[in-house]
Amino acid sequence: MFDFSKKKNNISFEILIRMIWVSSFLAMILTLPSLGLFLGIYYFTGELVIGAIIGGGVHFITLAFISRISKFLTKIMS
């Protein structure tokens, strides 16, 4: 069915650590601003729908630029 015998097993420890850091920063960049806006709008105005729309919009705008952000973070970590 699937042939997994050609997997790469020789990933260096430095590359693995760099991948973990970049992935962690990307997760924080994607979630924290949109979650902060959503919760801030919800707690200060009481409007759940408006907070969800603005938070979701910021999340998808950030998602549109994630490849550039990922390249920038990878360059910084190198």
N, C-alpha and C. Protein backbone atom coordinates (compact mmCIF):
# COMPACT_ATOMS: atom_id res chain seq x y z
N MET A 1 0.82 -1.17 0.00
CA MET A 1 0.00 0.00 0.00
C MET A 1 0.87 1.25 0.00
N PHE A 2 1.59 1.53 1.08
CA PHE A 2 2.52 2.65 1.17
C PHE A 2 3.92 2.10 1.42
N ASP A 3 4.90 2.74 0.83
CA ASP A 3 6.28 2.32 1.02
C ASP A 3 7.01 3.39 1.84
N PHE A 4 7.21 3.12 3.11
CA PHE A 4 7.88 4.05 4.00
C PHE A 4 9.35 3.70 4.19
N SER A 5 9.89 2.86 3.37
CA SER A 5 11.27 2.42 3.56
C SER A 5 12.29 3.48 3.14
N LYS A 6 11.87 4.50 2.41
CA LYS A 6 12.80 5.52 1.93
C LYS A 6 12.74 6.79 2.77
N LYS A 7 12.45 6.65 4.05
CA LYS A 7 12.40 7.80 4.94
C LYS A 7 13.80 8.25 5.27
N LYS A 8 13.95 9.56 5.50
CA LYS A 8 15.23 10.10 5.94
C LYS A 8 15.35 9.92 7.44
N ASN A 9 16.40 9.32 7.87
CA ASN A 9 16.62 9.11 9.29
C ASN A 9 17.83 9.87 9.81
N ASN A 10 18.48 10.65 8.97
CA ASN A 10 19.71 11.31 9.37
C ASN A 10 19.52 12.82 9.53
N ILE A 11 18.55 13.22 10.32
CA ILE A 11 18.34 14.64 10.61
C ILE A 11 19.22 15.01 11.79
N SER A 12 19.98 16.08 11.62
CA SER A 12 20.89 16.48 12.70
C SER A 12 20.11 17.08 13.86
N PHE A 13 20.73 17.08 15.00
CA PHE A 13 20.10 17.59 16.22
C PHE A 13 19.85 19.09 16.11
N GLU A 14 20.76 19.84 15.48
CA GLU A 14 20.60 21.28 15.32
C GLU A 14 19.39 21.62 14.46
N ILE A 15 19.20 20.89 13.38
CA ILE A 15 18.06 21.13 12.50
C ILE A 15 16.76 20.80 13.22
N LEU A 16 16.77 19.75 14.00
CA LEU A 16 15.57 19.37 14.75
C LEU A 16 15.20 20.44 15.76
N ILE A 17 16.16 20.97 16.48
CA ILE A 17 15.90 22.03 17.46
C ILE A 17 15.42 23.29 16.76
N ARG A 18 16.02 23.63 15.63
CA ARG A 18 15.60 24.80 14.87
C ARG A 18 14.17 24.65 14.39
N MET A 19 13.80 23.47 13.92
CA MET A 19 12.43 23.23 13.48
C MET A 19 11.44 23.37 14.62
N ILE A 20 11.81 22.90 15.80
CA ILE A 20 10.92 23.02 16.96
C ILE A 20 10.73 24.48 17.34
N TRP A 21 11.80 25.27 17.35
CA TRP A 21 11.69 26.69 17.70
C TRP A 21 10.86 27.46 16.68
N VAL A 22 11.12 27.24 15.39
CA VAL A 22 10.37 27.94 14.35
C VAL A 22 8.89 27.56 14.41
N SER A 23 8.60 26.30 14.62
CA SER A 23 7.21 25.86 14.72
C SER A 23 6.51 26.47 15.94
N SER A 24 7.23 26.57 17.04
CA SER A 24 6.64 27.18 18.24
C SER A 24 6.36 28.66 18.03
N PHE A 25 7.30 29.38 17.42
CA PHE A 25 7.08 30.79 17.15
C PHE A 25 5.93 30.99 16.16
N LEU A 26 5.84 30.14 15.15
CA LEU A 26 4.74 30.25 14.19
C LEU A 26 3.39 30.02 14.86
N ALA A 27 3.33 29.05 15.75
CA ALA A 27 2.09 28.79 16.46
C ALA A 27 1.69 29.99 17.32
N MET A 28 2.67 30.61 17.97
CA MET A 28 2.36 31.79 18.78
C MET A 28 1.94 32.97 17.92
N ILE A 29 2.59 33.17 16.77
CA ILE A 29 2.25 34.28 15.89
C ILE A 29 0.85 34.09 15.31
N LEU A 30 0.48 32.85 15.03
CA LEU A 30 -0.85 32.61 14.47
C LEU A 30 -1.96 32.74 15.49
N THR A 31 -1.74 32.33 16.72
CA THR A 31 -2.85 32.24 17.66
C THR A 31 -2.96 33.42 18.62
N LEU A 32 -1.86 33.93 19.13
CA LEU A 32 -1.94 34.93 20.19
C LEU A 32 -2.58 36.25 19.77
N PRO A 33 -2.25 36.84 18.61
CA PRO A 33 -2.91 38.10 18.26
C PRO A 33 -4.42 37.95 18.05
N SER A 34 -4.82 36.92 17.35
CA SER A 34 -6.25 36.75 17.09
C SER A 34 -7.01 36.40 18.37
N LEU A 35 -6.41 35.59 19.22
CA LEU A 35 -7.05 35.26 20.49
C LEU A 35 -7.12 36.48 21.41
N GLY A 36 -6.06 37.29 21.43
CA GLY A 36 -6.07 38.51 22.22
C GLY A 36 -7.12 39.49 21.76
N LEU A 37 -7.25 39.66 20.45
CA LEU A 37 -8.29 40.54 19.94
C LEU A 37 -9.68 40.02 20.25
N PHE A 38 -9.89 38.74 20.06
CA PHE A 38 -11.19 38.15 20.34
C PHE A 38 -11.58 38.33 21.80
N LEU A 39 -10.68 37.97 22.69
CA LEU A 39 -10.98 38.09 24.12
C LEU A 39 -11.09 39.54 24.56
N GLY A 40 -10.24 40.41 24.03
CA GLY A 40 -10.31 41.82 24.37
C GLY A 40 -11.62 42.45 23.95
N ILE A 41 -12.05 42.19 22.74
CA ILE A 41 -13.32 42.75 22.27
C ILE A 41 -14.48 42.15 23.04
N TYR A 42 -14.41 40.88 23.32
CA TYR A 42 -15.50 40.23 24.05
C TYR A 42 -15.62 40.77 25.49
N TYR A 43 -14.51 40.92 26.18
CA TYR A 43 -14.57 41.37 27.56
C TYR A 43 -14.88 42.86 27.69
N PHE A 44 -14.40 43.68 26.75
CA PHE A 44 -14.63 45.12 26.88
C PHE A 44 -15.97 45.57 26.31
N THR A 45 -16.49 44.88 25.29
CA THR A 45 -17.76 45.29 24.70
C THR A 45 -18.88 44.30 24.94
N GLY A 46 -18.55 43.06 25.21
CA GLY A 46 -19.57 42.04 25.40
C GLY A 46 -20.11 41.47 24.10
N GLU A 47 -19.52 41.84 22.98
CA GLU A 47 -19.98 41.37 21.66
C GLU A 47 -19.17 40.16 21.23
N LEU A 48 -19.78 39.00 21.31
CA LEU A 48 -19.11 37.75 20.96
C LEU A 48 -18.89 37.64 19.46
N VAL A 49 -19.90 37.98 18.68
CA VAL A 49 -19.83 37.80 17.22
C VAL A 49 -18.81 38.75 16.60
N ILE A 50 -18.81 40.00 17.03
CA ILE A 50 -17.85 40.95 16.47
C ILE A 50 -16.42 40.54 16.83
N GLY A 51 -16.22 40.11 18.07
CA GLY A 51 -14.89 39.64 18.47
C GLY A 51 -14.45 38.43 17.66
N ALA A 52 -15.38 37.52 17.40
CA ALA A 52 -15.04 36.33 16.63
C ALA A 52 -14.72 36.68 15.18
N ILE A 53 -15.45 37.61 14.61
CA ILE A 53 -15.20 38.00 13.21
C ILE A 53 -13.84 38.70 13.09
N ILE A 54 -13.55 39.64 13.99
CA ILE A 54 -12.28 40.36 13.92
C ILE A 54 -11.11 39.43 14.24
N GLY A 55 -11.26 38.61 15.26
CA GLY A 55 -10.19 37.66 15.60
C GLY A 55 -9.94 36.66 14.48
N GLY A 56 -11.01 36.16 13.89
CA GLY A 56 -10.86 35.23 12.76
C GLY A 56 -10.25 35.90 11.54
N GLY A 57 -10.62 37.15 11.31
CA GLY A 57 -10.04 37.90 10.20
C GLY A 57 -8.55 38.10 10.36
N VAL A 58 -8.13 38.47 11.57
CA VAL A 58 -6.70 38.64 11.83
C VAL A 58 -5.97 37.31 11.69
N HIS A 59 -6.60 36.24 12.13
CA HIS A 59 -5.98 34.91 12.02
C HIS A 59 -5.75 34.55 10.55
N PHE A 60 -6.74 34.78 9.70
CA PHE A 60 -6.59 34.41 8.29
C PHE A 60 -5.68 35.36 7.53
N ILE A 61 -5.61 36.63 7.95
CA ILE A 61 -4.65 37.55 7.34
C ILE A 61 -3.23 37.11 7.68
N THR A 62 -3.03 36.74 8.94
CA THR A 62 -1.71 36.24 9.35
C THR A 62 -1.38 34.94 8.61
N LEU A 63 -2.37 34.10 8.43
CA LEU A 63 -2.16 32.84 7.72
C LEU A 63 -1.77 33.07 6.26
N ALA A 64 -2.24 34.17 5.67
CA ALA A 64 -1.89 34.48 4.28
C ALA A 64 -0.40 34.79 4.14
N PHE A 65 0.22 35.34 5.18
CA PHE A 65 1.63 35.73 5.13
C PHE A 65 2.54 34.75 5.86
N ILE A 66 2.05 33.56 6.19
CA ILE A 66 2.82 32.65 7.03
C ILE A 66 4.07 32.12 6.34
N SER A 67 4.07 32.01 5.02
CA SER A 67 5.28 31.51 4.35
C SER A 67 6.41 32.54 4.45
N ARG A 68 6.09 33.82 4.33
CA ARG A 68 7.11 34.86 4.48
C ARG A 68 7.62 34.91 5.92
N ILE A 69 6.70 34.78 6.86
CA ILE A 69 7.08 34.80 8.27
C ILE A 69 7.97 33.60 8.59
N SER A 70 7.63 32.44 8.04
CA SER A 70 8.41 31.24 8.28
C SER A 70 9.82 31.37 7.70
N LYS A 71 9.95 31.92 6.50
CA LYS A 71 11.27 32.12 5.92
C LYS A 71 12.08 33.10 6.74
N PHE A 72 11.43 34.16 7.23
CA PHE A 72 12.13 35.15 8.05
C PHE A 72 12.61 34.52 9.36
N LEU A 73 11.75 33.74 10.03
CA LEU A 73 12.16 33.11 11.27
C LEU A 73 13.26 32.08 11.06
N THR A 74 13.18 31.34 9.98
CA THR A 74 14.23 30.36 9.67
C THR A 74 15.56 31.05 9.42
N LYS A 75 15.53 32.20 8.75
CA LYS A 75 16.74 32.95 8.50
C LYS A 75 17.33 33.49 9.79
N ILE A 76 16.48 33.94 10.71
CA ILE A 76 16.95 34.45 11.99
C ILE A 76 17.57 33.33 12.82
N MET A 77 16.95 32.16 12.81
CA MET A 77 17.43 31.04 13.64
C MET A 77 18.71 30.41 13.08
N SER A 78 19.04 30.68 11.85
CA SER A 78 20.25 30.08 11.26
C SER A 78 21.52 30.72 11.75
